[in-house]
Amino acid sequence: MKKLLCILLAVSVFYTGCAGREANPIPAYLPGDENRSCQALKAEMAQIQADMQRLPSQHYKFATTRFGL
């Protein structure tokens, strides 16, 4: 019985650890893009690229605290 409980606990911890959040893809085209200026679109692209640069460092911090890396 204890062996089964240990196996069940290990499997549940494994599956909980592998759980991620649902993907939230960004559409390539948003309604109203045709009415925006080139400068506004470039500013939005620059903001998105800055956000993307910041995200991997947040992921690395999560991995180091969670997995002791």
C-alpha atoms as a PDB file:
ATOM      1  CA  MET A   1       0.000   0.000   0.000  1.00  0.00           C
ATOM      2  CA  LYS A   2       2.816   2.416   0.901  1.00  0.00           C
ATOM      3  CA  LYS A   3       4.585   1.611  -2.358  1.00  0.00           C
ATOM      4  CA  LEU A   4       1.456   2.423  -4.367  1.00  0.00           C
ATOM      5  CA  LEU A   5       0.980   5.672  -2.449  1.00  0.00           C
ATOM      6  CA  CYS A   6       4.592   6.697  -3.098  1.00  0.00           C
ATOM      7  CA  ILE A   7       4.269   5.947  -6.803  1.00  0.00           C
ATOM      8  CA  LEU A   8       0.997   7.854  -7.012  1.00  0.00           C
ATOM      9  CA  LEU A   9       2.536  10.814  -5.202  1.00  0.00           C
ATOM     10  CA  ALA A  10       5.593  10.819  -7.470  1.00  0.00           C
ATOM     11  CA  VAL A  11       3.448  10.683 -10.605  1.00  0.00           C
ATOM     12  CA  SER A  12       1.177  13.475  -9.400  1.00  0.00           C
ATOM     13  CA  VAL A  13       4.152  15.704  -8.549  1.00  0.00           C
ATOM     14  CA  PHE A  14       5.650  14.997 -11.978  1.00  0.00           C
ATOM     15  CA  TYR A  15       2.455  15.923 -13.820  1.00  0.00           C
ATOM     16  CA  THR A  16       1.904  19.010 -11.687  1.00  0.00           C
ATOM     17  CA  GLY A  17       5.452  20.156 -12.416  1.00  0.00           C
ATOM     18  CA  CYS A  18       4.931  19.720 -16.148  1.00  0.00           C
ATOM     19  CA  ALA A  19       1.732  21.710 -16.202  1.00  0.00           C
ATOM     20  CA  GLY A  20       2.107  24.980 -18.048  1.00  0.00           C
ATOM     21  CA  ARG A  21      -0.124  27.789 -18.962  1.00  0.00           C
ATOM     22  CA  GLU A  22      -2.212  27.849 -22.081  1.00  0.00           C
ATOM     23  CA  ALA A  23      -0.648  29.474 -25.132  1.00  0.00           C
ATOM     24  CA  ASN A  24      -1.811  32.973 -25.922  1.00  0.00           C
ATOM     25  CA  PRO A  25      -0.720  33.595 -29.526  1.00  0.00           C
ATOM     26  CA  ILE A  26      -0.672  37.105 -30.922  1.00  0.00           C
ATOM     27  CA  PRO A  27      -2.527  37.490 -34.216  1.00  0.00           C
ATOM     28  CA  ALA A  28      -0.449  38.765 -37.137  1.00  0.00           C
ATOM     29  CA  TYR A  29      -3.162  41.231 -38.080  1.00  0.00           C
ATOM     30  CA  LEU A  30      -5.345  43.239 -35.757  1.00  0.00           C
ATOM     31  CA  PRO A  31      -8.477  45.089 -36.834  1.00  0.00           C
ATOM     32  CA  GLY A  32      -7.639  48.732 -37.410  1.00  0.00           C
ATOM     33  CA  ASP A  33      -3.999  48.154 -38.402  1.00  0.00           C
ATOM     34  CA  GLU A  34      -4.656  49.625 -41.835  1.00  0.00           C
ATOM     35  CA  ASN A  35      -5.620  52.948 -40.208  1.00  0.00           C
ATOM     36  CA  ARG A  36      -2.484  53.221 -38.056  1.00  0.00           C
ATOM     37  CA  SER A  37       0.593  55.169 -39.093  1.00  0.00           C
ATOM     38  CA  CYS A  38       3.912  53.519 -39.834  1.00  0.00           C
ATOM     39  CA  GLN A  39       5.404  55.275 -36.807  1.00  0.00           C
ATOM     40  CA  ALA A  40       2.718  53.803 -34.510  1.00  0.00           C
ATOM     41  CA  LEU A  41       3.264  50.303 -35.904  1.00  0.00           C
ATOM     42  CA  LYS A  42       7.046  50.633 -35.521  1.00  0.00           C
ATOM     43  CA  ALA A  43       6.627  51.804 -31.922  1.00  0.00           C
ATOM     44  CA  GLU A  44       4.423  48.817 -31.141  1.00  0.00           C
ATOM     45  CA  MET A  45       6.926  46.443 -32.745  1.00  0.00           C
ATOM     46  CA  ALA A  46       9.740  47.970 -30.681  1.00  0.00           C
ATOM     47  CA  GLN A  47       7.687  47.531 -27.498  1.00  0.00           C
ATOM     48  CA  ILE A  48       6.954  43.895 -28.319  1.00  0.00           C
ATOM     49  CA  GLN A  49      10.631  43.203 -29.025  1.00  0.00           C
ATOM     50  CA  ALA A  50      11.596  44.803 -25.698  1.00  0.00           C
ATOM     51  CA  ASP A  51       9.018  42.600 -23.940  1.00  0.00           C
ATOM     52  CA  MET A  52      10.428  39.530 -25.675  1.00  0.00           C
ATOM     53  CA  GLN A  53      13.940  40.422 -24.508  1.00  0.00           C
ATOM     54  CA  ARG A  54      12.700  40.650 -20.922  1.00  0.00           C
ATOM     55  CA  LEU A  55      10.761  37.360 -20.894  1.00  0.00           C
ATOM     56  CA  PRO A  56      13.643  34.856 -21.122  1.00  0.00           C
ATOM     57  CA  SER A  57      15.318  36.416 -18.090  1.00  0.00           C
ATOM     58  CA  GLN A  58      12.069  36.003 -16.125  1.00  0.00           C
ATOM     59  CA  HIS A  59      11.901  32.352 -17.217  1.00  0.00           C
ATOM     60  CA  TYR A  60      15.488  31.794 -16.136  1.00  0.00           C
ATOM     61  CA  LYS A  61      14.775  33.294 -12.709  1.00  0.00           C
ATOM     62  CA  PHE A  62      11.795  30.940 -12.360  1.00  0.00           C
ATOM     63  CA  ALA A  63      13.880  27.925 -13.334  1.00  0.00           C
ATOM     64  CA  THR A  64      16.668  28.766 -10.917  1.00  0.00           C
ATOM     65  CA  THR A  65      14.337  29.201  -7.971  1.00  0.00           C
ATOM     66  CA  ARG A  66      12.132  26.241  -8.738  1.00  0.00           C
ATOM     67  CA  PHE A  67      14.734  23.697  -9.791  1.00  0.00           C
ATOM     68  CA  GLY A  68      17.746  24.962  -7.867  1.00  0.00           C
ATOM     69  CA  LEU A  69      19.807  25.727 -10.975  1.00  0.00           C
END
